[in-house]
Amino acid sequence: MAEELAADEGTARTTSFSENADDVALHFQIIRLQKQIYVWIGCNSSKLGHMFAAAPTRLSDSVSVSSVMGGGSDNVGSSIARRLVIRTGLHVILSCNIPKGSPMLEATAERKLVEKLRSLGYIKR
């Protein structure tokens, strides 16, 4: 079930939804700001998890990712944030509490998130 709070231009737009994947409850919240999105992915709880900031770089077609809270470049969420920047062209702040060592769950969460972002018009390609 999706909950969406539409907003006028210049204000935040919030979308929340949940999906079940292999007996695991995945919860998502997307907050769309003017030139960035904030994404939270929760797995069976409402914990914040590790947080990453990702942005396109000016001089090349690469993406810069930094850990804002906990975790490192090898943590779940870092690679999702990087790929979201590539897909959306927006700056991304991503918080994720998917357990490390769960690649299938991570892939499912990213797939569900991308489907929602596409349906919201945040992914143009």
PDB file of N, CA and C in Angstrom:
ATOM      1  N   MET A   1       0.846  -1.174   0.000  1.00  0.00           N
ATOM      2  CA  MET A   1       0.000   0.000   0.000  1.00  0.00           C
ATOM      3  C   MET A   1       0.892   1.238   0.000  1.00  0.00           C
ATOM      4  N   ALA A   2       0.622   2.149  -0.869  1.00  0.00           N
ATOM      5  CA  ALA A   2       1.441   3.353  -0.967  1.00  0.00           C
ATOM      6  C   ALA A   2       0.698   4.543  -0.391  1.00  0.00           C
ATOM      7  N   GLU A   3       1.437   5.368   0.307  1.00  0.00           N
ATOM      8  CA  GLU A   3       0.888   6.608   0.841  1.00  0.00           C
ATOM      9  C   GLU A   3       1.684   7.723   0.196  1.00  0.00           C
ATOM     10  N   GLU A   4       0.987   8.653  -0.431  1.00  0.00           N
ATOM     11  CA  GLU A   4       1.689   9.717  -1.116  1.00  0.00           C
ATOM     12  C   GLU A   4       1.115  11.061  -0.713  1.00  0.00           C
ATOM     13  N   LEU A   5       1.972  11.973  -0.361  1.00  0.00           N
ATOM     14  CA  LEU A   5       1.571  13.323  -0.017  1.00  0.00           C
ATOM     15  C   LEU A   5       2.061  14.234  -1.131  1.00  0.00           C
ATOM     16  N   ALA A   6       1.161  14.633  -2.003  1.00  0.00           N
ATOM     17  CA  ALA A   6       1.543  15.502  -3.114  1.00  0.00           C
ATOM     18  C   ALA A   6       1.872  16.882  -2.572  1.00  0.00           C
ATOM     19  N   ALA A   7       2.781  17.533  -3.227  1.00  0.00           N
ATOM     20  CA  ALA A   7       3.195  18.856  -2.771  1.00  0.00           C
ATOM     21  C   ALA A   7       3.279  19.805  -3.949  1.00  0.00           C
ATOM     22  N   ASP A   8       3.159  21.070  -3.663  1.00  0.00           N
ATOM     23  CA  ASP A   8       3.346  22.089  -4.684  1.00  0.00           C
ATOM     24  C   ASP A   8       4.812  22.131  -5.055  1.00  0.00           C
ATOM     25  N   GLU A   9       5.112  22.708  -6.201  1.00  0.00           N
ATOM     26  CA  GLU A   9       6.504  22.835  -6.623  1.00  0.00           C
ATOM     27  C   GLU A   9       7.286  23.647  -5.590  1.00  0.00           C
ATOM     28  N   GLY A  10       8.477  23.205  -5.279  1.00  0.00           N
ATOM     29  CA  GLY A  10       9.302  23.904  -4.299  1.00  0.00           C
ATOM     30  C   GLY A  10       9.186  23.330  -2.899  1.00  0.00           C
ATOM     31  N   THR A  11       8.292  22.374  -2.684  1.00  0.00           N
ATOM     32  CA  THR A  11       8.174  21.736  -1.383  1.00  0.00           C
ATOM     33  C   THR A  11       8.437  20.242  -1.522  1.00  0.00           C
ATOM     34  N   ALA A  12       8.576  19.576  -0.417  1.00  0.00           N
ATOM     35  CA  ALA A  12       8.879  18.151  -0.418  1.00  0.00           C
ATOM     36  C   ALA A  12       7.663  17.324  -0.810  1.00  0.00           C
ATOM     37  N   ARG A  13       7.935  16.203  -1.442  1.00  0.00           N
ATOM     38  CA  ARG A  13       6.892  15.241  -1.804  1.00  0.00           C
ATOM     39  C   ARG A  13       7.297  13.909  -1.181  1.00  0.00           C
ATOM     40  N   THR A  14       6.440  13.336  -0.360  1.00  0.00           N
ATOM     41  CA  THR A  14       6.767  12.123   0.381  1.00  0.00           C
ATOM     42  C   THR A  14       5.936  10.941  -0.110  1.00  0.00           C
ATOM     43  N   THR A  15       6.602   9.813  -0.304  1.00  0.00           N
ATOM     44  CA  THR A  15       5.937   8.572  -0.690  1.00  0.00           C
ATOM     45  C   THR A  15       6.438   7.475   0.239  1.00  0.00           C
ATOM     46  N   SER A  16       5.514   6.722   0.821  1.00  0.00           N
ATOM     47  CA  SER A  16       5.868   5.597   1.688  1.00  0.00           C
ATOM     48  C   SER A  16       5.134   4.363   1.200  1.00  0.00           C
ATOM     49  N   PHE A  17       5.820   3.216   1.231  1.00  0.00           N
ATOM     50  CA  PHE A  17       5.178   1.959   0.842  1.00  0.00           C
ATOM     51  C   PHE A  17       5.932   0.795   1.464  1.00  0.00           C
ATOM     52  N   SER A  18       5.291  -0.353   1.480  1.00  0.00           N
ATOM     53  CA  SER A  18       5.894  -1.575   2.032  1.00  0.00           C
ATOM     54  C   SER A  18       5.712  -2.705   1.035  1.00  0.00           C
ATOM     55  N   GLU A  19       6.636  -3.636   1.035  1.00  0.00           N
ATOM     56  CA  GLU A  19       6.589  -4.818   0.176  1.00  0.00           C
ATOM     57  C   GLU A  19       7.054  -6.017   0.992  1.00  0.00           C
ATOM     58  N   ASN A  20       6.478  -7.174   0.724  1.00  0.00           N
ATOM     59  CA  ASN A  20       6.948  -8.404   1.342  1.00  0.00           C
ATOM     60  C   ASN A  20       7.801  -9.157   0.350  1.00  0.00           C
ATOM     61  N   ALA A  21       8.960  -9.613   0.793  1.00  0.00           N
ATOM     62  CA  ALA A  21       9.887 -10.350  -0.054  1.00  0.00           C
ATOM     63  C   ALA A  21      10.457 -11.508   0.751  1.00  0.00           C
ATOM     64  N   ASP A  22      10.122 -12.721   0.360  1.00  0.00           N
ATOM     65  CA  ASP A  22      10.655 -13.915   1.037  1.00  0.00           C
ATOM     66  C   ASP A  22      10.460 -13.853   2.546  1.00  0.00           C
ATOM     67  N   ASP A  23       9.250 -13.601   2.988  1.00  0.00           N
ATOM     68  CA  ASP A  23       8.889 -13.540   4.408  1.00  0.00           C
ATOM     69  C   ASP A  23       9.595 -12.416   5.167  1.00  0.00           C
ATOM     70  N   VAL A  24      10.038 -11.410   4.458  1.00  0.00           N
ATOM     71  CA  VAL A  24      10.677 -10.248   5.074  1.00  0.00           C
ATOM     72  C   VAL A  24       9.889  -9.009   4.665  1.00  0.00           C
ATOM     73  N   ALA A  25       9.584  -8.175   5.631  1.00  0.00           N
ATOM     74  CA  ALA A  25       8.877  -6.930   5.344  1.00  0.00           C
ATOM     75  C   ALA A  25       9.887  -5.837   5.012  1.00  0.00           C
ATOM     76  N   LEU A  26       9.785  -5.284   3.818  1.00  0.00           N
ATOM     77  CA  LEU A  26      10.628  -4.168   3.403  1.00  0.00           C
ATOM     78  C   LEU A  26       9.774  -2.912   3.424  1.00  0.00           C
ATOM     79  N   HIS A  27      10.260  -1.882   4.077  1.00  0.00           N
ATOM     80  CA  HIS A  27       9.542  -0.617   4.175  1.00  0.00           C
ATOM     81  C   HIS A  27      10.377   0.453   3.482  1.00  0.00           C
ATOM     82  N   PHE A  28       9.710   1.338   2.759  1.00  0.00           N
ATOM     83  CA  PHE A  28      10.395   2.371   1.990  1.00  0.00           C
ATOM     84  C   PHE A  28       9.768   3.726   2.266  1.00  0.00           C
ATOM     85  N   GLN A  29      10.597   4.746   2.275  1.00  0.00           N
ATOM     86  CA  GLN A  29      10.112   6.110   2.293  1.00  0.00           C
ATOM     87  C   GLN A  29      10.999   6.915   1.354  1.00  0.00           C
ATOM     88  N   ILE A  30      10.348   7.668   0.475  1.00  0.00           N
ATOM     89  CA  ILE A  30      11.053   8.499  -0.490  1.00  0.00           C
ATOM     90  C   ILE A  30      10.598   9.935  -0.255  1.00  0.00           C
ATOM     91  N   ILE A  31      11.548  10.816  -0.069  1.00  0.00           N
ATOM     92  CA  ILE A  31      11.234  12.235   0.064  1.00  0.00           C
ATOM     93  C   ILE A  31      11.921  12.944  -1.095  1.00  0.00           C
ATOM     94  N   ARG A  32      11.110  13.538  -1.964  1.00  0.00           N
ATOM     95  CA  ARG A  32      11.636  14.231  -3.150  1.00  0.00           C
ATOM     96  C   ARG A  32      11.736  15.709  -2.831  1.00  0.00           C
ATOM     97  N   LEU A  33      12.936  16.218  -2.898  1.00  0.00           N
ATOM     98  CA  LEU A  33      13.181  17.646  -2.725  1.00  0.00           C
ATOM     99  C   LEU A  33      13.477  18.229  -4.103  1.00  0.00           C
ATOM    100  N   GLN A  34      13.861  19.480  -4.171  1.00  0.00           N
ATOM    101  CA  GLN A  34      14.012  20.129  -5.464  1.00  0.00           C
ATOM    102  C   GLN A  34      15.008  19.422  -6.392  1.00  0.00           C
ATOM    103  N   LYS A  35      16.219  19.140  -5.932  1.00  0.00           N
ATOM    104  CA  LYS A  35      17.223  18.512  -6.793  1.00  0.00           C
ATOM    105  C   LYS A  35      17.837  17.277  -6.165  1.00  0.00           C
ATOM    106  N   GLN A  36      17.111  16.680  -5.232  1.00  0.00           N
ATOM    107  CA  GLN A  36      17.625  15.482  -4.577  1.00  0.00           C
ATOM    108  C   GLN A  36      16.482  14.629  -4.058  1.00  0.00           C
ATOM    109  N   ILE A  37      16.819  13.388  -3.743  1.00  0.00           N
ATOM    110  CA  ILE A  37      15.852  12.517  -3.087  1.00  0.00           C
ATOM    111  C   ILE A  37      16.502  11.920  -1.850  1.00  0.00           C
ATOM    112  N   TYR A  38      15.681  11.734  -0.832  1.00  0.00           N
ATOM    113  CA  TYR A  38      16.089  11.031   0.376  1.00  0.00           C
ATOM    114  C   TYR A  38      15.324   9.716   0.361  1.00  0.00           C
ATOM    115  N   VAL A  39      16.021   8.610   0.552  1.00  0.00           N
ATOM    116  CA  VAL A  39      15.392   7.293   0.529  1.00  0.00           C
ATOM    117  C   VAL A  39      15.754   6.554   1.806  1.00  0.00           C
ATOM    118  N   TRP A  40      14.747   5.978   2.439  1.00  0.00           N
ATOM    119  CA  TRP A  40      14.970   5.106   3.586  1.00  0.00           C
ATOM    120  C   TRP A  40      14.423   3.735   3.235  1.00  0.00           C
ATOM    121  N   ILE A  41      15.238   2.699   3.460  1.00  0.00           N
ATOM    122  CA  ILE A  41      14.817   1.319   3.269  1.00  0.00           C
ATOM    123  C   ILE A  41      14.960   0.618   4.616  1.00  0.00           C
ATOM    124  N   GLY A  42      13.855   0.118   5.137  1.00  0.00           N
ATOM    125  CA  GLY A  42      13.864  -0.596   6.408  1.00  0.00           C
ATOM    126  C   GLY A  42      13.541  -2.059   6.201  1.00  0.00           C
ATOM    127  N   CYS A  43      14.189  -2.913   6.954  1.00  0.00           N
ATOM    128  CA  CYS A  43      13.980  -4.357   6.850  1.00  0.00           C
ATOM    129  C   CYS A  43      13.501  -4.878   8.196  1.00  0.00           C
ATOM    130  N   ASN A  44      12.231  -5.188   8.305  1.00  0.00           N
ATOM    131  CA  ASN A  44      11.610  -5.733   9.518  1.00  0.00           C
ATOM    132  C   ASN A  44      11.672  -4.808  10.730  1.00  0.00           C
ATOM    133  N   SER A  45      12.059  -3.564  10.549  1.00  0.00           N
ATOM    134  CA  SER A  45      12.085  -2.632  11.672  1.00  0.00           C
ATOM    135  C   SER A  45      12.084  -1.205  11.146  1.00  0.00           C
ATOM    136  N   SER A  46      11.993  -0.272  12.063  1.00  0.00           N
ATOM    137  CA  SER A  46      12.013   1.138  11.658  1.00  0.00           C
ATOM    138  C   SER A  46      13.345   1.812  11.993  1.00  0.00           C
ATOM    139  N   LYS A  47      14.401   1.023  12.171  1.00  0.00           N
ATOM    140  CA  LYS A  47      15.727   1.587  12.428  1.00  0.00           C
ATOM    141  C   LYS A  47      16.213   2.385  11.223  1.00  0.00           C
ATOM    142  N   LEU A  48      16.990   3.415  11.497  1.00  0.00           N
ATOM    143  CA  LEU A  48      17.503   4.258  10.422  1.00  0.00           C
ATOM    144  C   LEU A  48      18.561   3.537   9.592  1.00  0.00           C
ATOM    145  N   GLY A  49      19.534   2.913  10.188  1.00  0.00           N
ATOM    146  CA  GLY A  49      20.577   2.202   9.454  1.00  0.00           C
ATOM    147  C   GLY A  49      21.689   3.115   8.991  1.00  0.00           C
ATOM    148  N   HIS A  50      22.617   2.555   8.205  1.00  0.00           N
ATOM    149  CA  HIS A  50      23.725   3.337   7.656  1.00  0.00           C
ATOM    150  C   HIS A  50      23.176   4.350   6.671  1.00  0.00           C
ATOM    151  N   MET A  51      23.826   5.521   6.593  1.00  0.00           N
ATOM    152  CA  MET A  51      23.361   6.574   5.693  1.00  0.00           C
ATOM    153  C   MET A  51      24.496   6.985   4.760  1.00  0.00           C
ATOM    154  N   PHE A  52      24.144   7.122   3.480  1.00  0.00           N
ATOM    155  CA  PHE A  52      25.114   7.489   2.457  1.00  0.00           C
ATOM    156  C   PHE A  52      24.612   8.679   1.657  1.00  0.00           C
ATOM    157  N   ALA A  53      25.530   9.523   1.241  1.00  0.00           N
ATOM    158  CA  ALA A  53      25.226  10.635   0.346  1.00  0.00           C
ATOM    159  C   ALA A  53      25.943  10.351  -0.971  1.00  0.00           C
ATOM    160  N   ALA A  54      25.217  10.486  -2.071  1.00  0.00           N
ATOM    161  CA  ALA A  54      25.801  10.234  -3.384  1.00  0.00           C
ATOM    162  C   ALA A  54      25.404  11.361  -4.328  1.00  0.00           C
ATOM    163  N   ALA A  55      26.340  11.740  -5.193  1.00  0.00           N
ATOM    164  CA  ALA A  55      26.082  12.837  -6.119  1.00  0.00           C
ATOM    165  C   ALA A  55      26.901  12.639  -7.389  1.00  0.00           C
ATOM    166  N   PRO A  56      26.362  13.120  -8.505  1.00  0.00           N
ATOM    167  CA  PRO A  56      27.158  13.082  -9.737  1.00  0.00           C
ATOM    168  C   PRO A  56      28.323  14.053  -9.622  1.00  0.00           C
ATOM    169  N   THR A  57      29.441  13.706 -10.236  1.00  0.00           N
ATOM    170  CA  THR A  57      30.588  14.603 -10.212  1.00  0.00           C
ATOM    171  C   THR A  57      30.537  15.523 -11.431  1.00  0.00           C
ATOM    172  N   ARG A  58      31.111  16.698 -11.304  1.00  0.00           N
ATOM    173  CA  ARG A  58      31.037  17.694 -12.380  1.00  0.00           C
ATOM    174  C   ARG A  58      31.936  17.365 -13.565  1.00  0.00           C
ATOM    175  N   LEU A  59      33.103  16.849 -13.308  1.00  0.00           N
ATOM    176  CA  LEU A  59      34.105  16.706 -14.362  1.00  0.00           C
ATOM    177  C   LEU A  59      34.042  15.393 -15.127  1.00  0.00           C
ATOM    178  N   SER A  60      33.288  14.437 -14.645  1.00  0.00           N
ATOM    179  CA  SER A  60      33.208  13.165 -15.348  1.00  0.00           C
ATOM    180  C   SER A  60      31.818  12.569 -15.142  1.00  0.00           C
ATOM    181  N   ASP A  61      31.608  11.433 -15.736  1.00  0.00           N
ATOM    182  CA  ASP A  61      30.313  10.762 -15.604  1.00  0.00           C
ATOM    183  C   ASP A  61      30.293   9.795 -14.430  1.00  0.00           C
ATOM    184  N   SER A  62      31.129  10.024 -13.443  1.00  0.00           N
ATOM    185  CA  SER A  62      31.166   9.129 -12.291  1.00  0.00           C
ATOM    186  C   SER A  62      30.308   9.679 -11.161  1.00  0.00           C
ATOM    187  N   VAL A  63      30.175   8.887 -10.124  1.00  0.00           N
ATOM    188  CA  VAL A  63      29.360   9.243  -8.959  1.00  0.00           C
ATOM    189  C   VAL A  63      30.247   9.193  -7.729  1.00  0.00           C
ATOM    190  N   SER A  64      30.109  10.187  -6.880  1.00  0.00           N
ATOM    191  CA  SER A  64      30.831  10.226  -5.616  1.00  0.00           C
ATOM    192  C   SER A  64      29.887   9.789  -4.502  1.00  0.00           C
ATOM    193  N   VAL A  65      30.340   8.854  -3.656  1.00  0.00           N
ATOM    194  CA  VAL A  65      29.530   8.362  -2.541  1.00  0.00           C
ATOM    195  C   VAL A  65      30.323   8.526  -1.257  1.00  0.00           C
ATOM    196  N   SER A  66      29.648   9.012  -0.226  1.00  0.00           N
ATOM    197  CA  SER A  66      30.285   9.194   1.073  1.00  0.00           C
ATOM    198  C   SER A  66      29.379   8.643   2.164  1.00  0.00           C
ATOM    199  N   SER A  67      29.986   8.040   3.156  1.00  0.00           N
ATOM    200  CA  SER A  67      29.233   7.568   4.320  1.00  0.00           C
ATOM    201  C   SER A  67      28.960   8.750   5.235  1.00  0.00           C
ATOM    202  N   VAL A  68      27.697   8.976   5.548  1.00  0.00           N
ATOM    203  CA  VAL A  68      27.312  10.074   6.427  1.00  0.00           C
ATOM    204  C   VAL A  68      27.192   9.579   7.862  1.00  0.00           C
ATOM    205  N   MET A  69      26.663   8.361   8.012  1.00  0.00           N
ATOM    206  CA  MET A  69      26.464   7.805   9.348  1.00  0.00           C
ATOM    207  C   MET A  69      26.690   6.299   9.301  1.00  0.00           C
ATOM    208  N   GLY A  70      27.727   5.836   9.994  1.00  0.00           N
ATOM    209  CA  GLY A  70      28.032   4.410  10.052  1.00  0.00           C
ATOM    210  C   GLY A  70      28.422   3.862   8.697  1.00  0.00           C
ATOM    211  N   GLY A  71      28.913   2.656   8.688  1.00  0.00           N
ATOM    212  CA  GLY A  71      29.199   1.967   7.437  1.00  0.00           C
ATOM    213  C   GLY A  71      30.377   2.521   6.670  1.00  0.00           C
ATOM    214  N   GLY A  72      30.671   1.835   5.578  1.00  0.00           N
ATOM    215  CA  GLY A  72      31.754   2.213   4.686  1.00  0.00           C
ATOM    216  C   GLY A  72      31.331   1.937   3.264  1.00  0.00           C
ATOM    217  N   SER A  73      32.267   2.037   2.354  1.00  0.00           N
ATOM    218  CA  SER A  73      31.937   1.892   0.939  1.00  0.00           C
ATOM    219  C   SER A  73      31.473   0.476   0.578  1.00  0.00           C
ATOM    220  N   ASP A  74      31.769  -0.511   1.423  1.00  0.00           N
ATOM    221  CA  ASP A  74      31.368  -1.880   1.119  1.00  0.00           C
ATOM    222  C   ASP A  74      30.030  -2.255   1.754  1.00  0.00           C
ATOM    223  N   ASN A  75      29.409  -1.345   2.468  1.00  0.00           N
ATOM    224  CA  ASN A  75      28.149  -1.645   3.137  1.00  0.00           C
ATOM    225  C   ASN A  75      26.964  -1.614   2.185  1.00  0.00           C
ATOM    226  N   VAL A  76      25.930  -2.372   2.562  1.00  0.00           N
ATOM    227  CA  VAL A  76      24.674  -2.342   1.830  1.00  0.00           C
ATOM    228  C   VAL A  76      24.186  -0.903   1.837  1.00  0.00           C
ATOM    229  N   GLY A  77      23.779  -0.409   0.748  1.00  0.00           N
ATOM    230  CA  GLY A  77      23.290   0.954   0.650  1.00  0.00           C
ATOM    231  C   GLY A  77      24.212   1.832  -0.161  1.00  0.00           C
ATOM    232  N   SER A  78      25.503   1.665  -0.012  1.00  0.00           N
ATOM    233  CA  SER A  78      26.461   2.464  -0.763  1.00  0.00           C
ATOM    234  C   SER A  78      26.289   2.239  -2.259  1.00  0.00           C
ATOM    235  N   SER A  79      26.228   0.995  -2.674  1.00  0.00           N
ATOM    236  CA  SER A  79      26.088   0.688  -4.102  1.00  0.00           C
ATOM    237  C   SER A  79      24.699   1.056  -4.617  1.00  0.00           C
ATOM    238  N   ILE A  80      23.675   0.909  -3.772  1.00  0.00           N
ATOM    239  CA  ILE A  80      22.320   1.307  -4.183  1.00  0.00           C
ATOM    240  C   ILE A  80      22.293   2.812  -4.423  1.00  0.00           C
ATOM    241  N   ALA A  81      22.872   3.583  -3.511  1.00  0.00           N
ATOM    242  CA  ALA A  81      22.902   5.042  -3.654  1.00  0.00           C
ATOM    243  C   ALA A  81      23.613   5.441  -4.945  1.00  0.00           C
ATOM    244  N   ARG A  82      24.723   4.804  -5.245  1.00  0.00           N
ATOM    245  CA  ARG A  82      25.488   5.098  -6.465  1.00  0.00           C
ATOM    246  C   ARG A  82      24.628   4.845  -7.709  1.00  0.00           C
ATOM    247  N   ARG A  83      23.964   3.695  -7.754  1.00  0.00           N
ATOM    248  CA  ARG A  83      23.148   3.371  -8.929  1.00  0.00           C
ATOM    249  C   ARG A  83      21.919   4.276  -9.048  1.00  0.00           C
ATOM    250  N   LEU A  84      21.369   4.730  -7.910  1.00  0.00           N
ATOM    251  CA  LEU A  84      20.224   5.644  -7.965  1.00  0.00           C
ATOM    252  C   LEU A  84      20.619   6.986  -8.578  1.00  0.00           C
ATOM    253  N   VAL A  85      21.811   7.468  -8.264  1.00  0.00           N
ATOM    254  CA  VAL A  85      22.284   8.720  -8.873  1.00  0.00           C
ATOM    255  C   VAL A  85      22.386   8.547 -10.386  1.00  0.00           C
ATOM    256  N   ILE A  86      22.929   7.436 -10.819  1.00  0.00           N
ATOM    257  CA  ILE A  86      23.077   7.179 -12.254  1.00  0.00           C
ATOM    258  C   ILE A  86      21.710   7.130 -12.932  1.00  0.00           C
ATOM    259  N   ARG A  87      20.744   6.500 -12.294  1.00  0.00           N
ATOM    260  CA  ARG A  87      19.410   6.363 -12.892  1.00  0.00           C
ATOM    261  C   ARG A  87      18.589   7.642 -12.858  1.00  0.00           C
ATOM    262  N   THR A  88      18.725   8.434 -11.791  1.00  0.00           N
ATOM    263  CA  THR A  88      17.873   9.612 -11.635  1.00  0.00           C
ATOM    264  C   THR A  88      18.551  10.915 -12.039  1.00  0.00           C
ATOM    265  N   GLY A  89      19.881  10.972 -11.943  1.00  0.00           N
ATOM    266  CA  GLY A  89      20.598  12.211 -12.189  1.00  0.00           C
ATOM    267  C   GLY A  89      20.501  13.185 -11.021  1.00  0.00           C
ATOM    268  N   LEU A  90      19.897  12.746  -9.919  1.00  0.00           N
ATOM    269  CA  LEU A  90      19.700  13.586  -8.740  1.00  0.00           C
ATOM    270  C   LEU A  90      20.723  13.253  -7.659  1.00  0.00           C
ATOM    271  N   HIS A  91      20.895  14.157  -6.716  1.00  0.00           N
ATOM    272  CA  HIS A  91      21.674  13.859  -5.516  1.00  0.00           C
ATOM    273  C   HIS A  91      20.821  12.920  -4.676  1.00  0.00           C
ATOM    274  N   VAL A  92      21.448  11.946  -4.035  1.00  0.00           N
ATOM    275  CA  VAL A  92      20.723  10.925  -3.277  1.00  0.00           C
ATOM    276  C   VAL A  92      21.282  10.826  -1.863  1.00  0.00           C
ATOM    277  N   ILE A  93      20.394  10.843  -0.885  1.00  0.00           N
ATOM    278  CA  ILE A  93      20.738  10.490   0.487  1.00  0.00           C
ATOM    279  C   ILE A  93      19.977   9.198   0.749  1.00  0.00           C
ATOM    280  N   LEU A  94      20.678   8.142   1.114  1.00  0.00           N
ATOM    281  CA  LEU A  94      20.039   6.842   1.298  1.00  0.00           C
ATOM    282  C   LEU A  94      20.406   6.262   2.649  1.00  0.00           C
ATOM    283  N   SER A  95      19.391   5.868   3.402  1.00  0.00           N
ATOM    284  CA  SER A  95      19.584   5.166   4.660  1.00  0.00           C
ATOM    285  C   SER A  95      19.014   3.764   4.483  1.00  0.00           C
ATOM    286  N   CYS A  96      19.778   2.768   4.906  1.00  0.00           N
ATOM    287  CA  CYS A  96      19.385   1.388   4.628  1.00  0.00           C
ATOM    288  C   CYS A  96      19.762   0.498   5.808  1.00  0.00           C
ATOM    289  N   ASN A  97      18.817  -0.310   6.290  1.00  0.00           N
ATOM    290  CA  ASN A  97      19.166  -1.248   7.355  1.00  0.00           C
ATOM    291  C   ASN A  97      18.969  -2.694   6.929  1.00  0.00           C
ATOM    292  N   ILE A  98      19.196  -2.984   5.661  1.00  0.00           N
ATOM    293  CA  ILE A  98      19.184  -4.369   5.179  1.00  0.00           C
ATOM    294  C   ILE A  98      20.436  -5.058   5.719  1.00  0.00           C
ATOM    295  N   PRO A  99      20.302  -6.254   6.285  1.00  0.00           N
ATOM    296  CA  PRO A  99      21.476  -6.935   6.851  1.00  0.00           C
ATOM    297  C   PRO A  99      22.556  -7.212   5.801  1.00  0.00           C
ATOM    298  N   LYS A 100      23.806  -7.001   6.197  1.00  0.00           N
ATOM    299  CA  LYS A 100      24.935  -7.307   5.320  1.00  0.00           C
ATOM    300  C   LYS A 100      24.965  -8.818   5.084  1.00  0.00           C
ATOM    301  N   GLY A 101      25.319  -9.215   3.893  1.00  0.00           N
ATOM    302  CA  GLY A 101      25.360 -10.643   3.577  1.00  0.00           C
ATOM    303  C   GLY A 101      24.022 -11.167   3.091  1.00  0.00           C
ATOM    304  N   SER A 102      23.150 -10.278   2.650  1.00  0.00           N
ATOM    305  CA  SER A 102      21.837 -10.669   2.106  1.00  0.00           C
ATOM    306  C   SER A 102      21.692 -10.104   0.699  1.00  0.00           C
ATOM    307  N   PRO A 103      22.499 -10.597  -0.250  1.00  0.00           N
ATOM    308  CA  PRO A 103      22.486 -10.001  -1.586  1.00  0.00           C
ATOM    309  C   PRO A 103      21.146 -10.117  -2.304  1.00  0.00           C
ATOM    310  N   MET A 104      20.423 -11.207  -2.088  1.00  0.00           N
ATOM    311  CA  MET A 104      19.123 -11.365  -2.750  1.00  0.00           C
ATOM    312  C   MET A 104      18.113 -10.361  -2.200  1.00  0.00           C
ATOM    313  N   LEU A 105      18.145 -10.139  -0.901  1.00  0.00           N
ATOM    314  CA  LEU A 105      17.242  -9.167  -0.282  1.00  0.00           C
ATOM    315  C   LEU A 105      17.593  -7.749  -0.743  1.00  0.00           C
ATOM    316  N   GLU A 106      18.881  -7.450  -0.830  1.00  0.00           N
ATOM    317  CA  GLU A 106      19.333  -6.143  -1.311  1.00  0.00           C
ATOM    318  C   GLU A 106      18.866  -5.921  -2.752  1.00  0.00           C
ATOM    319  N   ALA A 107      19.015  -6.935  -3.601  1.00  0.00           N
ATOM    320  CA  ALA A 107      18.596  -6.816  -5.004  1.00  0.00           C
ATOM    321  C   ALA A 107      17.087  -6.628  -5.119  1.00  0.00           C
ATOM    322  N   THR A 108      16.334  -7.354  -4.304  1.00  0.00           N
ATOM    323  CA  THR A 108      14.877  -7.217  -4.314  1.00  0.00           C
ATOM    324  C   THR A 108      14.466  -5.822  -3.863  1.00  0.00           C
ATOM    325  N   ALA A 109      15.080  -5.328  -2.800  1.00  0.00           N
ATOM    326  CA  ALA A 109      14.758  -3.992  -2.292  1.00  0.00           C
ATOM    327  C   ALA A 109      15.071  -2.934  -3.346  1.00  0.00           C
ATOM    328  N   GLU A 110      16.213  -3.046  -4.004  1.00  0.00           N
ATOM    329  CA  GLU A 110      16.572  -2.065  -5.030  1.00  0.00           C
ATOM    330  C   GLU A 110      15.602  -2.141  -6.211  1.00  0.00           C
ATOM    331  N   ARG A 111      15.233  -3.341  -6.618  1.00  0.00           N
ATOM    332  CA  ARG A 111      14.297  -3.499  -7.731  1.00  0.00           C
ATOM    333  C   ARG A 111      12.948  -2.857  -7.418  1.00  0.00           C
ATOM    334  N   LYS A 112      12.419  -3.099  -6.209  1.00  0.00           N
ATOM    335  CA  LYS A 112      11.136  -2.513  -5.796  1.00  0.00           C
ATOM    336  C   LYS A 112      11.236  -0.990  -5.732  1.00  0.00           C
ATOM    337  N   LEU A 113      12.348  -0.491  -5.232  1.00  0.00           N
ATOM    338  CA  LEU A 113      12.557   0.946  -5.132  1.00  0.00           C
ATOM    339  C   LEU A 113      12.608   1.591  -6.515  1.00  0.00           C
ATOM    340  N   VAL A 114      13.344   0.980  -7.429  1.00  0.00           N
ATOM    341  CA  VAL A 114      13.465   1.520  -8.786  1.00  0.00           C
ATOM    342  C   VAL A 114      12.109   1.503  -9.488  1.00  0.00           C
ATOM    343  N   GLU A 115      11.333   0.438  -9.299  1.00  0.00           N
ATOM    344  CA  GLU A 115       9.984   0.383  -9.879  1.00  0.00           C
ATOM    345  C   GLU A 115       9.142   1.557  -9.397  1.00  0.00           C
ATOM    346  N   LYS A 116       9.196   1.848  -8.102  1.00  0.00           N
ATOM    347  CA  LYS A 116       8.421   2.957  -7.535  1.00  0.00           C
ATOM    348  C   LYS A 116       8.933   4.298  -8.052  1.00  0.00           C
ATOM    349  N   LEU A 117      10.257   4.476  -8.087  1.00  0.00           N
ATOM    350  CA  LEU A 117      10.825   5.726  -8.588  1.00  0.00           C
ATOM    351  C   LEU A 117      10.434   5.958 -10.047  1.00  0.00           C
ATOM    352  N   ARG A 118      10.411   4.887 -10.821  1.00  0.00           N
ATOM    353  CA  ARG A 118       9.999   4.998 -12.232  1.00  0.00           C
ATOM    354  C   ARG A 118       8.532   5.405 -12.317  1.00  0.00           C
ATOM    355  N   SER A 119       7.680   4.786 -11.509  1.00  0.00           N
ATOM    356  CA  SER A 119       6.250   5.112 -11.541  1.00  0.00           C
ATOM    357  C   SER A 119       5.980   6.548 -11.085  1.00  0.00           C
ATOM    358  N   LEU A 120       6.849   7.081 -10.240  1.00  0.00           N
ATOM    359  CA  LEU A 120       6.714   8.466  -9.776  1.00  0.00           C
ATOM    360  C   LEU A 120       7.306   9.472 -10.762  1.00  0.00           C
ATOM    361  N   GLY A 121       7.994   8.978 -11.780  1.00  0.00           N
ATOM    362  CA  GLY A 121       8.581   9.855 -12.783  1.00  0.00           C
ATOM    363  C   GLY A 121       9.954  10.373 -12.433  1.00  0.00           C
ATOM    364  N   TYR A 122      10.623   9.797 -11.445  1.00  0.00           N
ATOM    365  CA  TYR A 122      11.947  10.250 -11.042  1.00  0.00           C
ATOM    366  C   TYR A 122      13.040   9.623 -11.910  1.00  0.00           C
ATOM    367  N   ILE A 123      12.718   8.515 -12.572  1.00  0.00           N
ATOM    368  CA  ILE A 123      13.641   7.854 -13.487  1.00  0.00           C
ATOM    369  C   ILE A 123      13.068   8.018 -14.881  1.00  0.00           C
ATOM    370  N   LYS A 124      13.804   8.677 -15.722  1.00  0.00           N
ATOM    371  CA  LYS A 124      13.305   9.001 -17.056  1.00  0.00           C
ATOM    372  C   LYS A 124      13.662   7.942 -18.094  1.00  0.00           C
ATOM    373  N   ARG A 125      14.692   7.181 -17.835  1.00  0.00           N
ATOM    374  CA  ARG A 125      15.187   6.212 -18.823  1.00  0.00           C
ATOM    375  C   ARG A 125      14.520   4.877 -18.682  1.00  0.00           C
TER     376      ARG A 125
END
